[in-house]
């Protein structure tokens, strides 16, 4: 399950947004991968300009990604402050469970 989910979503994230994802920890810390995932599955009314995002703005990126995801039906299993507190190496299990909720919500659109 972990491997299949990882391959599918990391491919989407890289192909559409050129965000490299090779794990469920450090690759998600700056919020860019979450933003790519949220943007990919966002309704037209909740889309945002991905090109204007800056990896240095972690709080803004995470806030945007989690907000857009929740507006599109993804269960809010992670908090921005928790991600920031975990620093550059967030707990991979926390990230995985949240990313898995994207899969559950949008598996018919993959």
PDB file of N, CA and C in Angstrom:
ATOM      1  N   UNK A   1       0.827  -1.205   0.000  1.00  0.00           N
ATOM      2  CA  UNK A   1       0.000   0.000   0.000  1.00  0.00           C
ATOM      3  C   UNK A   1       0.864   1.259   0.000  1.00  0.00           C
ATOM      4  N   UNK A   2       1.854   1.311   0.896  1.00  0.00           N
ATOM      5  CA  UNK A   2       2.703   2.491   0.993  1.00  0.00           C
ATOM      6  C   UNK A   2       3.421   2.727  -0.326  1.00  0.00           C
ATOM      7  N   UNK A   3       4.000   1.680  -0.888  1.00  0.00           N
ATOM      8  CA  UNK A   3       4.762   1.808  -2.125  1.00  0.00           C
ATOM      9  C   UNK A   3       3.884   2.239  -3.299  1.00  0.00           C
ATOM     10  N   UNK A   4       2.727   1.639  -3.434  1.00  0.00           N
ATOM     11  CA  UNK A   4       1.828   1.983  -4.543  1.00  0.00           C
ATOM     12  C   UNK A   4       1.332   3.414  -4.425  1.00  0.00           C
ATOM     13  N   UNK A   5       0.940   3.804  -3.229  1.00  0.00           N
ATOM     14  CA  UNK A   5       0.475   5.173  -3.010  1.00  0.00           C
ATOM     15  C   UNK A   5       1.594   6.157  -3.289  1.00  0.00           C
ATOM     16  N   UNK A   6       2.776   5.852  -2.790  1.00  0.00           N
ATOM     17  CA  UNK A   6       3.920   6.733  -2.980  1.00  0.00           C
ATOM     18  C   UNK A   6       4.247   6.916  -4.459  1.00  0.00           C
ATOM     19  N   UNK A   7       4.336   5.832  -5.192  1.00  0.00           N
ATOM     20  CA  UNK A   7       4.671   5.913  -6.619  1.00  0.00           C
ATOM     21  C   UNK A   7       3.640   6.722  -7.391  1.00  0.00           C
ATOM     22  N   UNK A   8       2.377   6.470  -7.132  1.00  0.00           N
ATOM     23  CA  UNK A   8       1.322   7.176  -7.855  1.00  0.00           C
ATOM     24  C   UNK A   8       1.308   8.667  -7.584  1.00  0.00           C
ATOM     25  N   UNK A   9       1.327   9.036  -6.323  1.00  0.00           N
ATOM     26  CA  UNK A   9       1.230  10.453  -5.983  1.00  0.00           C
ATOM     27  C   UNK A   9       2.521  11.210  -6.251  1.00  0.00           C
ATOM     28  N   UNK A  10       3.670  10.585  -6.016  1.00  0.00           N
ATOM     29  CA  UNK A  10       4.925  11.293  -6.283  1.00  0.00           C
ATOM     30  C   UNK A  10       5.083  11.549  -7.778  1.00  0.00           C
ATOM     31  N   UNK A  11       4.600  10.628  -8.603  1.00  0.00           N
ATOM     32  CA  UNK A  11       4.640  10.838 -10.051  1.00  0.00           C
ATOM     33  C   UNK A  11       3.778  12.003 -10.484  1.00  0.00           C
ATOM     34  N   UNK A  12       2.582  12.092  -9.930  1.00  0.00           N
ATOM     35  CA  UNK A  12       1.680  13.206 -10.237  1.00  0.00           C
ATOM     36  C   UNK A  12       2.305  14.528  -9.813  1.00  0.00           C
ATOM     37  N   UNK A  13       2.836  14.557  -8.601  1.00  0.00           N
ATOM     38  CA  UNK A  13       3.406  15.792  -8.057  1.00  0.00           C
ATOM     39  C   UNK A  13       4.581  16.261  -8.902  1.00  0.00           C
ATOM     40  N   UNK A  14       5.446  15.332  -9.315  1.00  0.00           N
ATOM     41  CA  UNK A  14       6.602  15.744 -10.110  1.00  0.00           C
ATOM     42  C   UNK A  14       6.198  16.128 -11.534  1.00  0.00           C
ATOM     43  N   UNK A  15       5.401  15.320 -12.171  1.00  0.00           N
ATOM     44  CA  UNK A  15       5.024  15.590 -13.566  1.00  0.00           C
ATOM     45  C   UNK A  15       4.296  16.918 -13.727  1.00  0.00           C
ATOM     46  N   UNK A  16       3.409  17.229 -12.823  1.00  0.00           N
ATOM     47  CA  UNK A  16       2.614  18.448 -12.959  1.00  0.00           C
ATOM     48  C   UNK A  16       3.267  19.684 -12.357  1.00  0.00           C
ATOM     49  N   UNK A  17       4.082  19.496 -11.304  1.00  0.00           N
ATOM     50  CA  UNK A  17       4.575  20.659 -10.566  1.00  0.00           C
ATOM     51  C   UNK A  17       6.087  20.672 -10.370  1.00  0.00           C
ATOM     52  N   UNK A  18       6.790  19.685 -10.864  1.00  0.00           N
ATOM     53  CA  UNK A  18       8.238  19.567 -10.736  1.00  0.00           C
ATOM     54  C   UNK A  18       8.707  19.645  -9.279  1.00  0.00           C
ATOM     55  N   UNK A  19       7.907  19.092  -8.378  1.00  0.00           N
ATOM     56  CA  UNK A  19       8.284  18.969  -6.968  1.00  0.00           C
ATOM     57  C   UNK A  19       8.719  17.523  -6.762  1.00  0.00           C
ATOM     58  N   UNK A  20       9.983  17.335  -6.406  1.00  0.00           N
ATOM     59  CA  UNK A  20      10.506  15.981  -6.217  1.00  0.00           C
ATOM     60  C   UNK A  20      10.137  15.466  -4.834  1.00  0.00           C
ATOM     61  N   UNK A  21       9.571  14.267  -4.821  1.00  0.00           N
ATOM     62  CA  UNK A  21       9.172  13.623  -3.573  1.00  0.00           C
ATOM     63  C   UNK A  21       9.778  12.228  -3.566  1.00  0.00           C
ATOM     64  N   UNK A  22      10.631  11.953  -2.592  1.00  0.00           N
ATOM     65  CA  UNK A  22      11.246  10.637  -2.502  1.00  0.00           C
ATOM     66  C   UNK A  22      11.007   9.978  -1.142  1.00  0.00           C
ATOM     67  N   UNK A  23      10.270  10.668  -0.253  1.00  0.00           N
ATOM     68  CA  UNK A  23       9.931  10.067   1.037  1.00  0.00           C
ATOM     69  C   UNK A  23       8.653  10.710   1.575  1.00  0.00           C
ATOM     70  N   UNK A  24       8.191  10.226   2.702  1.00  0.00           N
ATOM     71  CA  UNK A  24       7.006  10.796   3.350  1.00  0.00           C
ATOM     72  C   UNK A  24       7.403  11.660   4.542  1.00  0.00           C
ATOM     73  N   UNK A  25       8.598  12.225   4.524  1.00  0.00           N
ATOM     74  CA  UNK A  25       9.046  13.051   5.646  1.00  0.00           C
ATOM     75  C   UNK A  25       9.578  14.394   5.155  1.00  0.00           C
ATOM     76  N   UNK A  26      10.879  14.484   4.938  1.00  0.00           N
ATOM     77  CA  UNK A  26      11.509  15.773   4.619  1.00  0.00           C
ATOM     78  C   UNK A  26      10.970  16.415   3.342  1.00  0.00           C
ATOM     79  N   UNK A  27      10.542  15.628   2.394  1.00  0.00           N
ATOM     80  CA  UNK A  27      10.037  16.174   1.127  1.00  0.00           C
ATOM     81  C   UNK A  27       8.742  16.968   1.296  1.00  0.00           C
ATOM     82  N   UNK A  28       8.084  16.806   2.419  1.00  0.00           N
ATOM     83  CA  UNK A  28       6.800  17.451   2.664  1.00  0.00           C
ATOM     84  C   UNK A  28       6.922  18.630   3.629  1.00  0.00           C
ATOM     85  N   UNK A  29       8.094  18.839   4.212  1.00  0.00           N
ATOM     86  CA  UNK A  29       8.278  19.814   5.293  1.00  0.00           C
ATOM     87  C   UNK A  29       8.006  21.258   4.884  1.00  0.00           C
ATOM     88  N   UNK A  30       8.344  21.634   3.651  1.00  0.00           N
ATOM     89  CA  UNK A  30       8.150  23.039   3.244  1.00  0.00           C
ATOM     90  C   UNK A  30       6.747  23.324   2.708  1.00  0.00           C
ATOM     91  N   UNK A  31       5.928  22.294   2.621  1.00  0.00           N
ATOM     92  CA  UNK A  31       4.546  22.476   2.183  1.00  0.00           C
ATOM     93  C   UNK A  31       4.333  22.443   0.681  1.00  0.00           C
ATOM     94  N   UNK A  32       5.399  22.445  -0.102  1.00  0.00           N
ATOM     95  CA  UNK A  32       5.249  22.491  -1.560  1.00  0.00           C
ATOM     96  C   UNK A  32       4.578  21.228  -2.109  1.00  0.00           C
ATOM     97  N   UNK A  33       4.937  20.065  -1.597  1.00  0.00           N
ATOM     98  CA  UNK A  33       4.310  18.826  -2.068  1.00  0.00           C
ATOM     99  C   UNK A  33       2.835  18.789  -1.674  1.00  0.00           C
ATOM    100  N   UNK A  34       2.524  19.261  -0.460  1.00  0.00           N
ATOM    101  CA  UNK A  34       1.116  19.343  -0.050  1.00  0.00           C
ATOM    102  C   UNK A  34       0.355  20.307  -0.953  1.00  0.00           C
ATOM    103  N   UNK A  35       0.984  21.438  -1.286  1.00  0.00           N
ATOM    104  CA  UNK A  35       0.332  22.411  -2.175  1.00  0.00           C
ATOM    105  C   UNK A  35       0.099  21.808  -3.557  1.00  0.00           C
ATOM    106  N   UNK A  36       1.077  21.070  -4.062  1.00  0.00           N
ATOM    107  CA  UNK A  36       0.923  20.436  -5.371  1.00  0.00           C
ATOM    108  C   UNK A  36      -0.240  19.449  -5.349  1.00  0.00           C
ATOM    109  N   UNK A  37      -0.312  18.662  -4.305  1.00  0.00           N
ATOM    110  CA  UNK A  37      -1.390  17.686  -4.177  1.00  0.00           C
ATOM    111  C   UNK A  37      -2.742  18.382  -4.049  1.00  0.00           C
ATOM    112  N   UNK A  38      -2.804  19.404  -3.209  1.00  0.00           N
ATOM    113  CA  UNK A  38      -4.062  20.139  -3.024  1.00  0.00           C
ATOM    114  C   UNK A  38      -4.494  20.805  -4.326  1.00  0.00           C
ATOM    115  N   UNK A  39      -3.543  21.409  -5.035  1.00  0.00           N
ATOM    116  CA  UNK A  39      -3.858  22.091  -6.294  1.00  0.00           C
ATOM    117  C   UNK A  39      -4.354  21.102  -7.337  1.00  0.00           C
ATOM    118  N   UNK A  40      -3.718  19.948  -7.404  1.00  0.00           N
ATOM    119  CA  UNK A  40      -4.079  18.938  -8.406  1.00  0.00           C
ATOM    120  C   UNK A  40      -5.537  18.505  -8.276  1.00  0.00           C
ATOM    121  N   UNK A  41      -6.020  18.399  -7.059  1.00  0.00           N
ATOM    122  CA  UNK A  41      -7.370  17.893  -6.847  1.00  0.00           C
ATOM    123  C   UNK A  41      -8.367  18.973  -6.438  1.00  0.00           C
ATOM    124  N   UNK A  42      -7.957  20.225  -6.450  1.00  0.00           N
ATOM    125  CA  UNK A  42      -8.835  21.325  -6.032  1.00  0.00           C
ATOM    126  C   UNK A  42      -9.923  21.585  -7.063  1.00  0.00           C
ATOM    127  N   UNK A  43     -11.073  21.991  -6.561  1.00  0.00           N
ATOM    128  CA  UNK A  43     -12.130  22.441  -7.465  1.00  0.00           C
ATOM    129  C   UNK A  43     -11.683  23.760  -8.085  1.00  0.00           C
ATOM    130  N   UNK A  44     -12.304  24.130  -9.168  1.00  0.00           N
ATOM    131  CA  UNK A  44     -11.926  25.367  -9.863  1.00  0.00           C
ATOM    132  C   UNK A  44     -11.958  26.572  -8.919  1.00  0.00           C
ATOM    133  N   UNK A  45     -12.937  26.625  -8.047  1.00  0.00           N
ATOM    134  CA  UNK A  45     -13.084  27.789  -7.164  1.00  0.00           C
ATOM    135  C   UNK A  45     -12.043  27.845  -6.047  1.00  0.00           C
ATOM    136  N   UNK A  46     -11.336  26.729  -5.799  1.00  0.00           N
ATOM    137  CA  UNK A  46     -10.333  26.736  -4.735  1.00  0.00           C
ATOM    138  C   UNK A  46      -8.900  26.639  -5.256  1.00  0.00           C
ATOM    139  N   UNK A  47      -8.728  26.698  -6.570  1.00  0.00           N
ATOM    140  CA  UNK A  47      -7.376  26.642  -7.134  1.00  0.00           C
ATOM    141  C   UNK A  47      -6.610  27.918  -6.817  1.00  0.00           C
ATOM    142  N   UNK A  48      -5.302  27.837  -6.878  1.00  0.00           N
ATOM    143  CA  UNK A  48      -4.424  28.965  -6.574  1.00  0.00           C
ATOM    144  C   UNK A  48      -3.254  28.940  -7.548  1.00  0.00           C
ATOM    145  N   UNK A  49      -2.476  30.003  -7.579  1.00  0.00           N
ATOM    146  CA  UNK A  49      -1.342  30.112  -8.491  1.00  0.00           C
ATOM    147  C   UNK A  49      -0.127  29.427  -7.863  1.00  0.00           C
ATOM    148  N   UNK A  50       0.104  28.200  -8.248  1.00  0.00           N
ATOM    149  CA  UNK A  50       1.199  27.416  -7.679  1.00  0.00           C
ATOM    150  C   UNK A  50       2.552  28.070  -7.943  1.00  0.00           C
ATOM    151  N   UNK A  51       2.696  28.710  -9.080  1.00  0.00           N
ATOM    152  CA  UNK A  51       3.974  29.317  -9.466  1.00  0.00           C
ATOM    153  C   UNK A  51       4.413  30.438  -8.528  1.00  0.00           C
ATOM    154  N   UNK A  52       3.484  31.026  -7.802  1.00  0.00           N
ATOM    155  CA  UNK A  52       3.825  32.126  -6.900  1.00  0.00           C
ATOM    156  C   UNK A  52       4.274  31.651  -5.515  1.00  0.00           C
ATOM    157  N   UNK A  53       4.217  30.358  -5.271  1.00  0.00           N
ATOM    158  CA  UNK A  53       4.600  29.832  -3.958  1.00  0.00           C
ATOM    159  C   UNK A  53       6.114  29.834  -3.784  1.00  0.00           C
ATOM    160  N   UNK A  54       6.545  29.987  -2.543  1.00  0.00           N
ATOM    161  CA  UNK A  54       7.963  30.012  -2.214  1.00  0.00           C
ATOM    162  C   UNK A  54       8.228  28.944  -1.150  1.00  0.00           C
ATOM    163  N   UNK A  55       9.143  28.020  -1.402  1.00  0.00           N
ATOM    164  CA  UNK A  55       9.438  26.971  -0.421  1.00  0.00           C
ATOM    165  C   UNK A  55       9.894  27.523   0.936  1.00  0.00           C
ATOM    166  N   UNK A  56      10.391  28.740   0.957  1.00  0.00           N
ATOM    167  CA  UNK A  56      10.833  29.353   2.217  1.00  0.00           C
ATOM    168  C   UNK A  56       9.662  29.752   3.111  1.00  0.00           C
ATOM    169  N   UNK A  57       8.482  29.880   2.545  1.00  0.00           N
ATOM    170  CA  UNK A  57       7.293  30.299   3.295  1.00  0.00           C
ATOM    171  C   UNK A  57       6.501  29.078   3.770  1.00  0.00           C
ATOM    172  N   UNK A  58       7.118  28.316   4.620  1.00  0.00           N
ATOM    173  CA  UNK A  58       6.532  27.042   5.053  1.00  0.00           C
ATOM    174  C   UNK A  58       5.141  27.211   5.653  1.00  0.00           C
ATOM    175  N   UNK A  59       4.999  28.136   6.591  1.00  0.00           N
ATOM    176  CA  UNK A  59       3.702  28.317   7.254  1.00  0.00           C
ATOM    177  C   UNK A  59       2.619  28.662   6.231  1.00  0.00           C
ATOM    178  N   UNK A  60       2.920  29.601   5.333  1.00  0.00           N
ATOM    179  CA  UNK A  60       1.937  30.000   4.323  1.00  0.00           C
ATOM    180  C   UNK A  60       1.573  28.828   3.415  1.00  0.00           C
ATOM    181  N   UNK A  61       2.576  28.071   2.989  1.00  0.00           N
ATOM    182  CA  UNK A  61       2.332  26.935   2.097  1.00  0.00           C
ATOM    183  C   UNK A  61       1.469  25.871   2.771  1.00  0.00           C
ATOM    184  N   UNK A  62       1.821  25.530   3.992  1.00  0.00           N
ATOM    185  CA  UNK A  62       1.060  24.509   4.719  1.00  0.00           C
ATOM    186  C   UNK A  62      -0.364  24.975   4.998  1.00  0.00           C
ATOM    187  N   UNK A  63      -0.505  26.239   5.380  1.00  0.00           N
ATOM    188  CA  UNK A  63      -1.839  26.787   5.644  1.00  0.00           C
ATOM    189  C   UNK A  63      -2.700  26.724   4.392  1.00  0.00           C
ATOM    190  N   UNK A  64      -2.137  27.142   3.268  1.00  0.00           N
ATOM    191  CA  UNK A  64      -2.867  27.117   2.003  1.00  0.00           C
ATOM    192  C   UNK A  64      -3.243  25.685   1.621  1.00  0.00           C
ATOM    193  N   UNK A  65      -2.272  24.796   1.651  1.00  0.00           N
ATOM    194  CA  UNK A  65      -2.517  23.409   1.242  1.00  0.00           C
ATOM    195  C   UNK A  65      -3.584  22.748   2.104  1.00  0.00           C
ATOM    196  N   UNK A  66      -3.482  22.897   3.408  1.00  0.00           N
ATOM    197  CA  UNK A  66      -4.434  22.241   4.304  1.00  0.00           C
ATOM    198  C   UNK A  66      -5.826  22.848   4.173  1.00  0.00           C
ATOM    199  N   UNK A  67      -5.882  24.145   3.962  1.00  0.00           N
ATOM    200  CA  UNK A  67      -7.174  24.821   3.803  1.00  0.00           C
ATOM    201  C   UNK A  67      -7.873  24.382   2.514  1.00  0.00           C
ATOM    202  N   UNK A  68      -7.136  24.387   1.414  1.00  0.00           N
ATOM    203  CA  UNK A  68      -7.704  23.975   0.127  1.00  0.00           C
ATOM    204  C   UNK A  68      -8.112  22.503   0.179  1.00  0.00           C
ATOM    205  N   UNK A  69      -7.279  21.678   0.775  1.00  0.00           N
ATOM    206  CA  UNK A  69      -7.606  20.253   0.882  1.00  0.00           C
ATOM    207  C   UNK A  69      -8.903  20.050   1.662  1.00  0.00           C
ATOM    208  N   UNK A  70      -9.029  20.739   2.787  1.00  0.00           N
ATOM    209  CA  UNK A  70     -10.236  20.585   3.600  1.00  0.00           C
ATOM    210  C   UNK A  70     -11.470  21.069   2.848  1.00  0.00           C
ATOM    211  N   UNK A  71     -11.348  22.174   2.112  1.00  0.00           N
ATOM    212  CA  UNK A  71     -12.480  22.685   1.329  1.00  0.00           C
ATOM    213  C   UNK A  71     -12.904  21.705   0.242  1.00  0.00           C
ATOM    214  N   UNK A  72     -11.991  20.805  -0.125  1.00  0.00           N
ATOM    215  CA  UNK A  72     -12.282  19.818  -1.161  1.00  0.00           C
ATOM    216  C   UNK A  72     -12.535  18.424  -0.588  1.00  0.00           C
ATOM    217  N   UNK A  73     -12.817  18.367   0.708  1.00  0.00           N
ATOM    218  CA  UNK A  73     -13.258  17.124   1.311  1.00  0.00           C
ATOM    219  C   UNK A  73     -12.215  16.256   1.978  1.00  0.00           C
ATOM    220  N   UNK A  74     -10.959  16.713   2.026  1.00  0.00           N
ATOM    221  CA  UNK A  74      -9.918  15.931   2.689  1.00  0.00           C
ATOM    222  C   UNK A  74     -10.024  16.163   4.196  1.00  0.00           C
ATOM    223  N   UNK A  75     -10.038  15.084   4.940  1.00  0.00           N
ATOM    224  CA  UNK A  75     -10.149  15.170   6.396  1.00  0.00           C
ATOM    225  C   UNK A  75      -8.897  15.855   6.954  1.00  0.00           C
ATOM    226  N   UNK A  76      -9.065  16.884   7.791  1.00  0.00           N
ATOM    227  CA  UNK A  76      -7.914  17.637   8.319  1.00  0.00           C
ATOM    228  C   UNK A  76      -7.190  16.872   9.434  1.00  0.00           C
ATOM    229  N   UNK A  77      -6.292  15.997   9.052  1.00  0.00           N
ATOM    230  CA  UNK A  77      -5.590  15.151  10.009  1.00  0.00           C
ATOM    231  C   UNK A  77      -4.266  15.734  10.485  1.00  0.00           C
ATOM    232  N   UNK A  78      -3.793  16.787   9.863  1.00  0.00           N
ATOM    233  CA  UNK A  78      -2.547  17.448  10.258  1.00  0.00           C
ATOM    234  C   UNK A  78      -2.821  18.916  10.526  1.00  0.00           C
ATOM    235  N   UNK A  79      -2.069  19.475  11.449  1.00  0.00           N
ATOM    236  CA  UNK A  79      -2.160  20.899  11.762  1.00  0.00           C
ATOM    237  C   UNK A  79      -0.873  21.575  11.307  1.00  0.00           C
ATOM    238  N   UNK A  80      -0.990  22.809  10.869  1.00  0.00           N
ATOM    239  CA  UNK A  80       0.173  23.577  10.433  1.00  0.00           C
ATOM    240  C   UNK A  80       1.207  23.653  11.552  1.00  0.00           C
ATOM    241  N   UNK A  81       0.783  24.002  12.749  1.00  0.00           N
ATOM    242  CA  UNK A  81       1.730  24.137  13.864  1.00  0.00           C
ATOM    243  C   UNK A  81       2.443  22.826  14.180  1.00  0.00           C
ATOM    244  N   UNK A  82       1.750  21.706  14.041  1.00  0.00           N
ATOM    245  CA  UNK A  82       2.392  20.408  14.271  1.00  0.00           C
ATOM    246  C   UNK A  82       3.482  20.158  13.235  1.00  0.00           C
ATOM    247  N   UNK A  83       3.191  20.459  11.983  1.00  0.00           N
ATOM    248  CA  UNK A  83       4.195  20.284  10.929  1.00  0.00           C
ATOM    249  C   UNK A  83       5.403  21.184  11.179  1.00  0.00           C
ATOM    250  N   UNK A  84       5.163  22.420  11.550  1.00  0.00           N
ATOM    251  CA  UNK A  84       6.265  23.344  11.806  1.00  0.00           C
ATOM    252  C   UNK A  84       7.088  22.892  13.008  1.00  0.00           C
ATOM    253  N   UNK A  85       6.427  22.391  14.017  1.00  0.00           N
ATOM    254  CA  UNK A  85       7.124  21.915  15.214  1.00  0.00           C
ATOM    255  C   UNK A  85       8.013  20.716  14.901  1.00  0.00           C
ATOM    256  N   UNK A  86       7.596  19.882  13.956  1.00  0.00           N
ATOM    257  CA  UNK A  86       8.401  18.714  13.580  1.00  0.00           C
ATOM    258  C   UNK A  86       9.619  19.106  12.754  1.00  0.00           C
ATOM    259  N   UNK A  87       9.671  20.338  12.267  1.00  0.00           N
ATOM    260  CA  UNK A  87      10.848  20.834  11.559  1.00  0.00           C
ATOM    261  C   UNK A  87      11.048  20.232  10.182  1.00  0.00           C
ATOM    262  N   UNK A  88      12.316  19.988   9.858  1.00  0.00           N
ATOM    263  CA  UNK A  88      12.684  19.514   8.519  1.00  0.00           C
ATOM    264  C   UNK A  88      12.461  18.021   8.310  1.00  0.00           C
ATOM    265  N   UNK A  89      12.167  17.299   9.373  1.00  0.00           N
ATOM    266  CA  UNK A  89      11.957  15.849   9.282  1.00  0.00           C
ATOM    267  C   UNK A  89      10.645  15.467   9.969  1.00  0.00           C
ATOM    268  N   UNK A  90       9.504  15.840   9.384  1.00  0.00           N
ATOM    269  CA  UNK A  90       8.240  15.463  10.019  1.00  0.00           C
ATOM    270  C   UNK A  90       8.098  13.941  10.105  1.00  0.00           C
ATOM    271  N   UNK A  91       7.332  13.508  11.076  1.00  0.00           N
ATOM    272  CA  UNK A  91       7.074  12.081  11.264  1.00  0.00           C
ATOM    273  C   UNK A  91       6.415  11.527   9.998  1.00  0.00           C
ATOM    274  N   UNK A  92       7.079  10.582   9.369  1.00  0.00           N
ATOM    275  CA  UNK A  92       6.581  10.061   8.093  1.00  0.00           C
ATOM    276  C   UNK A  92       5.198   9.437   8.242  1.00  0.00           C
ATOM    277  N   UNK A  93       4.907   8.863   9.407  1.00  0.00           N
ATOM    278  CA  UNK A  93       3.596   8.230   9.600  1.00  0.00           C
ATOM    279  C   UNK A  93       2.477   9.269   9.598  1.00  0.00           C
ATOM    280  N   UNK A  94       2.742  10.431  10.177  1.00  0.00           N
ATOM    281  CA  UNK A  94       1.742  11.514  10.167  1.00  0.00           C
ATOM    282  C   UNK A  94       1.487  11.985   8.739  1.00  0.00           C
ATOM    283  N   UNK A  95       2.569  12.193   8.005  1.00  0.00           N
ATOM    284  CA  UNK A  95       2.445  12.646   6.617  1.00  0.00           C
ATOM    285  C   UNK A  95       1.739  11.578   5.785  1.00  0.00           C
ATOM    286  N   UNK A  96       2.133  10.327   5.952  1.00  0.00           N
ATOM    287  CA  UNK A  96       1.532   9.242   5.181  1.00  0.00           C
ATOM    288  C   UNK A  96       0.027   9.155   5.411  1.00  0.00           C
ATOM    289  N   UNK A  97      -0.402   9.219   6.666  1.00  0.00           N
ATOM    290  CA  UNK A  97      -1.830   9.109   6.971  1.00  0.00           C
ATOM    291  C   UNK A  97      -2.596  10.256   6.319  1.00  0.00           C
ATOM    292  N   UNK A  98      -2.024  11.455   6.343  1.00  0.00           N
ATOM    293  CA  UNK A  98      -2.695  12.598   5.721  1.00  0.00           C
ATOM    294  C   UNK A  98      -2.740  12.446   4.197  1.00  0.00           C
ATOM    295  N   UNK A  99      -1.638  12.048   3.608  1.00  0.00           N
ATOM    296  CA  UNK A  99      -1.601  11.845   2.155  1.00  0.00           C
ATOM    297  C   UNK A  99      -2.563  10.727   1.762  1.00  0.00           C
ATOM    298  N   UNK A 100      -2.669   9.726   2.595  1.00  0.00           N
ATOM    299  CA  UNK A 100      -3.608   8.634   2.340  1.00  0.00           C
ATOM    300  C   UNK A 100      -5.047   9.157   2.305  1.00  0.00           C
ATOM    301  N   UNK A 101      -5.334  10.181   3.095  1.00  0.00           N
ATOM    302  CA  UNK A 101      -6.689  10.748   3.079  1.00  0.00           C
ATOM    303  C   UNK A 101      -6.979  11.434   1.742  1.00  0.00           C
ATOM    304  N   UNK A 102      -5.950  11.987   1.085  1.00  0.00           N
ATOM    305  CA  UNK A 102      -6.121  12.516  -0.273  1.00  0.00           C
ATOM    306  C   UNK A 102      -6.511  11.376  -1.205  1.00  0.00           C
ATOM    307  N   UNK A 103      -5.776  10.269  -1.098  1.00  0.00           N
ATOM    308  CA  UNK A 103      -6.056   9.123  -1.956  1.00  0.00           C
ATOM    309  C   UNK A 103      -7.495   8.646  -1.775  1.00  0.00           C
ATOM    310  N   UNK A 104      -7.922   8.528  -0.529  1.00  0.00           N
ATOM    311  CA  UNK A 104      -9.291   8.068  -0.267  1.00  0.00           C
ATOM    312  C   UNK A 104     -10.327   9.009  -0.874  1.00  0.00           C
ATOM    313  N   UNK A 105     -10.063  10.302  -0.782  1.00  0.00           N
ATOM    314  CA  UNK A 105     -11.016  11.293  -1.286  1.00  0.00           C
ATOM    315  C   UNK A 105     -11.044  11.335  -2.815  1.00  0.00           C
ATOM    316  N   UNK A 106      -9.879  11.149  -3.449  1.00  0.00           N
ATOM    317  CA  UNK A 106      -9.779  11.386  -4.894  1.00  0.00           C
ATOM    318  C   UNK A 106      -9.360  10.167  -5.711  1.00  0.00           C
ATOM    319  N   UNK A 107      -9.444   8.969  -5.149  1.00  0.00           N
ATOM    320  CA  UNK A 107      -8.962   7.786  -5.868  1.00  0.00           C
ATOM    321  C   UNK A 107      -9.626   7.598  -7.224  1.00  0.00           C
ATOM    322  N   UNK A 108     -10.844   8.071  -7.382  1.00  0.00           N
ATOM    323  CA  UNK A 108     -11.527   7.945  -8.671  1.00  0.00           C
ATOM    324  C   UNK A 108     -10.992   8.919  -9.712  1.00  0.00           C
ATOM    325  N   UNK A 109     -10.203   9.900  -9.276  1.00  0.00           N
ATOM    326  CA  UNK A 109      -9.665  10.905 -10.200  1.00  0.00           C
ATOM    327  C   UNK A 109      -8.180  10.725 -10.473  1.00  0.00           C
ATOM    328  N   UNK A 110      -7.597   9.635  -9.999  1.00  0.00           N
ATOM    329  CA  UNK A 110      -6.165   9.395 -10.227  1.00  0.00           C
ATOM    330  C   UNK A 110      -5.927   8.846 -11.610  1.00  0.00           C
TER     331      UNK A 110
END
